């Protein structure tokens, strides 16, 4: 199995390379370390935009949650939204073969 981490957007190569599990090419939660761009609205639109191209390697499960108005770039890294919304990402986002603990 192959997980192209840090790769560009998918191009339909899943048929050519069936052992490809995911391809990142996504604005994920790791951006919370230096940016405020990963908003709850962004996470809600991903299943209808980026995930239409195939599975992706997003990083759900951040539990140091803040509402967007209270979000700060700090250590430890914070995540915008609620814990329930973060848990829902595990169900909504297609990430085969990716085990998150």
C-alpha atoms as a PDB file:
ATOM      1  CA  UNK A   1       0.000   0.000   0.000  1.00  0.00           C
ATOM      2  CA  UNK A   2       1.167   3.507  -0.770  1.00  0.00           C
ATOM      3  CA  UNK A   3       0.224   6.742   0.996  1.00  0.00           C
ATOM      4  CA  UNK A   4       1.563   9.744  -0.907  1.00  0.00           C
ATOM      5  CA  UNK A   5       2.019  12.171   1.987  1.00  0.00           C
ATOM      6  CA  UNK A   6       2.751  15.746   0.935  1.00  0.00           C
ATOM      7  CA  UNK A   7       1.817  15.007  -2.675  1.00  0.00           C
ATOM      8  CA  UNK A   8      -0.224  17.160  -5.031  1.00  0.00           C
ATOM      9  CA  UNK A   9      -3.888  16.674  -5.842  1.00  0.00           C
ATOM     10  CA  UNK A  10      -5.010  13.288  -7.186  1.00  0.00           C
ATOM     11  CA  UNK A  11      -5.228  12.740 -10.919  1.00  0.00           C
ATOM     12  CA  UNK A  12      -7.278   9.556 -11.195  1.00  0.00           C
ATOM     13  CA  UNK A  13      -4.263   7.275 -10.852  1.00  0.00           C
ATOM     14  CA  UNK A  14      -6.200   5.006  -8.449  1.00  0.00           C
ATOM     15  CA  UNK A  15      -7.143   2.821 -11.401  1.00  0.00           C
ATOM     16  CA  UNK A  16      -3.562   2.590 -12.655  1.00  0.00           C
ATOM     17  CA  UNK A  17      -2.080   2.125  -9.189  1.00  0.00           C
ATOM     18  CA  UNK A  18      -4.688   0.212  -7.114  1.00  0.00           C
ATOM     19  CA  UNK A  19      -2.211  -0.097  -4.229  1.00  0.00           C
ATOM     20  CA  UNK A  20      -2.328   3.681  -3.748  1.00  0.00           C
ATOM     21  CA  UNK A  21      -4.312   4.188  -0.554  1.00  0.00           C
ATOM     22  CA  UNK A  22      -4.389   7.975  -0.245  1.00  0.00           C
ATOM     23  CA  UNK A  23      -2.827  11.070  -1.698  1.00  0.00           C
ATOM     24  CA  UNK A  24      -2.611  14.124   0.515  1.00  0.00           C
ATOM     25  CA  UNK A  25      -2.926  17.349  -1.516  1.00  0.00           C
ATOM     26  CA  UNK A  26      -5.190  18.847   1.136  1.00  0.00           C
ATOM     27  CA  UNK A  27      -5.236  21.786   3.520  1.00  0.00           C
ATOM     28  CA  UNK A  28      -5.279  19.771   6.756  1.00  0.00           C
ATOM     29  CA  UNK A  29      -5.158  20.342  10.493  1.00  0.00           C
ATOM     30  CA  UNK A  30      -1.357  20.576  10.491  1.00  0.00           C
ATOM     31  CA  UNK A  31      -1.825  24.090   9.075  1.00  0.00           C
ATOM     32  CA  UNK A  32      -3.185  25.140  12.480  1.00  0.00           C
ATOM     33  CA  UNK A  33       0.426  25.392  13.631  1.00  0.00           C
ATOM     34  CA  UNK A  34       0.998  28.526  11.517  1.00  0.00           C
ATOM     35  CA  UNK A  35      -2.319  29.560   9.948  1.00  0.00           C
ATOM     36  CA  UNK A  36      -5.983  30.257  10.702  1.00  0.00           C
ATOM     37  CA  UNK A  37      -7.178  28.919   7.327  1.00  0.00           C
ATOM     38  CA  UNK A  38      -8.502  25.525   8.512  1.00  0.00           C
ATOM     39  CA  UNK A  39     -11.887  26.746   9.674  1.00  0.00           C
ATOM     40  CA  UNK A  40     -14.999  24.661  10.413  1.00  0.00           C
ATOM     41  CA  UNK A  41     -16.418  25.910   7.097  1.00  0.00           C
ATOM     42  CA  UNK A  42     -13.340  24.606   5.264  1.00  0.00           C
ATOM     43  CA  UNK A  43     -13.693  21.154   6.842  1.00  0.00           C
ATOM     44  CA  UNK A  44     -17.384  20.990   5.874  1.00  0.00           C
ATOM     45  CA  UNK A  45     -16.691  21.767   2.210  1.00  0.00           C
ATOM     46  CA  UNK A  46     -13.910  19.166   1.779  1.00  0.00           C
ATOM     47  CA  UNK A  47     -16.229  16.143   1.225  1.00  0.00           C
ATOM     48  CA  UNK A  48     -17.866  18.058  -1.647  1.00  0.00           C
ATOM     49  CA  UNK A  49     -14.641  19.384  -3.190  1.00  0.00           C
ATOM     50  CA  UNK A  50     -11.315  17.647  -2.533  1.00  0.00           C
ATOM     51  CA  UNK A  51     -12.731  14.258  -1.515  1.00  0.00           C
ATOM     52  CA  UNK A  52     -14.608  13.994  -4.827  1.00  0.00           C
ATOM     53  CA  UNK A  53     -11.182  13.310  -6.397  1.00  0.00           C
ATOM     54  CA  UNK A  54     -10.557  10.335  -4.111  1.00  0.00           C
ATOM     55  CA  UNK A  55      -9.311   9.546  -0.608  1.00  0.00           C
ATOM     56  CA  UNK A  56      -7.054  12.034   1.141  1.00  0.00           C
ATOM     57  CA  UNK A  57      -4.695  12.114   4.105  1.00  0.00           C
ATOM     58  CA  UNK A  58      -6.333  14.669   6.396  1.00  0.00           C
ATOM     59  CA  UNK A  59      -5.369  14.837  10.079  1.00  0.00           C
ATOM     60  CA  UNK A  60      -8.608  14.763  12.121  1.00  0.00           C
ATOM     61  CA  UNK A  61      -8.889  14.367  15.847  1.00  0.00           C
ATOM     62  CA  UNK A  62      -7.535  17.553  17.385  1.00  0.00           C
ATOM     63  CA  UNK A  63      -9.100  17.909  20.818  1.00  0.00           C
ATOM     64  CA  UNK A  64      -7.700  21.222  22.013  1.00  0.00           C
ATOM     65  CA  UNK A  65     -10.698  22.944  20.461  1.00  0.00           C
ATOM     66  CA  UNK A  66     -11.520  26.631  20.212  1.00  0.00           C
ATOM     67  CA  UNK A  67     -14.253  28.562  18.510  1.00  0.00           C
ATOM     68  CA  UNK A  68     -12.880  30.590  15.563  1.00  0.00           C
ATOM     69  CA  UNK A  69     -13.084  33.837  17.560  1.00  0.00           C
ATOM     70  CA  UNK A  70     -10.921  32.374  20.351  1.00  0.00           C
ATOM     71  CA  UNK A  71      -8.463  30.465  18.138  1.00  0.00           C
ATOM     72  CA  UNK A  72      -4.772  31.349  18.497  1.00  0.00           C
ATOM     73  CA  UNK A  73      -1.604  30.056  16.885  1.00  0.00           C
ATOM     74  CA  UNK A  74       0.090  28.641  19.970  1.00  0.00           C
ATOM     75  CA  UNK A  75       1.675  25.553  21.487  1.00  0.00           C
ATOM     76  CA  UNK A  76       0.135  23.107  21.991  1.00  0.00           C
ATOM     77  CA  UNK A  77      -1.640  23.396  18.651  1.00  0.00           C
ATOM     78  CA  UNK A  78      -5.313  24.329  18.772  1.00  0.00           C
ATOM     79  CA  UNK A  79      -8.067  23.247  16.377  1.00  0.00           C
ATOM     80  CA  UNK A  80     -11.044  25.358  15.324  1.00  0.00           C
ATOM     81  CA  UNK A  81     -14.462  23.895  16.016  1.00  0.00           C
ATOM     82  CA  UNK A  82     -15.859  21.408  18.494  1.00  0.00           C
ATOM     83  CA  UNK A  83     -14.809  17.938  19.650  1.00  0.00           C
ATOM     84  CA  UNK A  84     -17.987  16.466  18.164  1.00  0.00           C
ATOM     85  CA  UNK A  85     -17.130  17.980  14.790  1.00  0.00           C
ATOM     86  CA  UNK A  86     -13.596  16.537  14.966  1.00  0.00           C
ATOM     87  CA  UNK A  87     -14.970  13.064  15.767  1.00  0.00           C
ATOM     88  CA  UNK A  88     -17.380  13.323  12.821  1.00  0.00           C
ATOM     89  CA  UNK A  89     -14.439  13.811  10.456  1.00  0.00           C
ATOM     90  CA  UNK A  90     -13.357  10.208  11.080  1.00  0.00           C
ATOM     91  CA  UNK A  91     -16.687   9.036   9.655  1.00  0.00           C
ATOM     92  CA  UNK A  92     -17.138  11.586   6.861  1.00  0.00           C
ATOM     93  CA  UNK A  93     -13.649  11.666   5.312  1.00  0.00           C
ATOM     94  CA  UNK A  94     -12.576   8.746   3.117  1.00  0.00           C
ATOM     95  CA  UNK A  95      -9.156   7.600   4.364  1.00  0.00           C
ATOM     96  CA  UNK A  96      -8.799   3.848   3.731  1.00  0.00           C
ATOM     97  CA  UNK A  97      -6.001   2.065   5.487  1.00  0.00           C
ATOM     98  CA  UNK A  98      -5.185   5.061   7.675  1.00  0.00           C
ATOM     99  CA  UNK A  99      -5.373   4.220  11.361  1.00  0.00           C
ATOM    100  CA  UNK A 100      -5.629   7.210  13.685  1.00  0.00           C
ATOM    101  CA  UNK A 101      -5.010   6.614  17.370  1.00  0.00           C
END
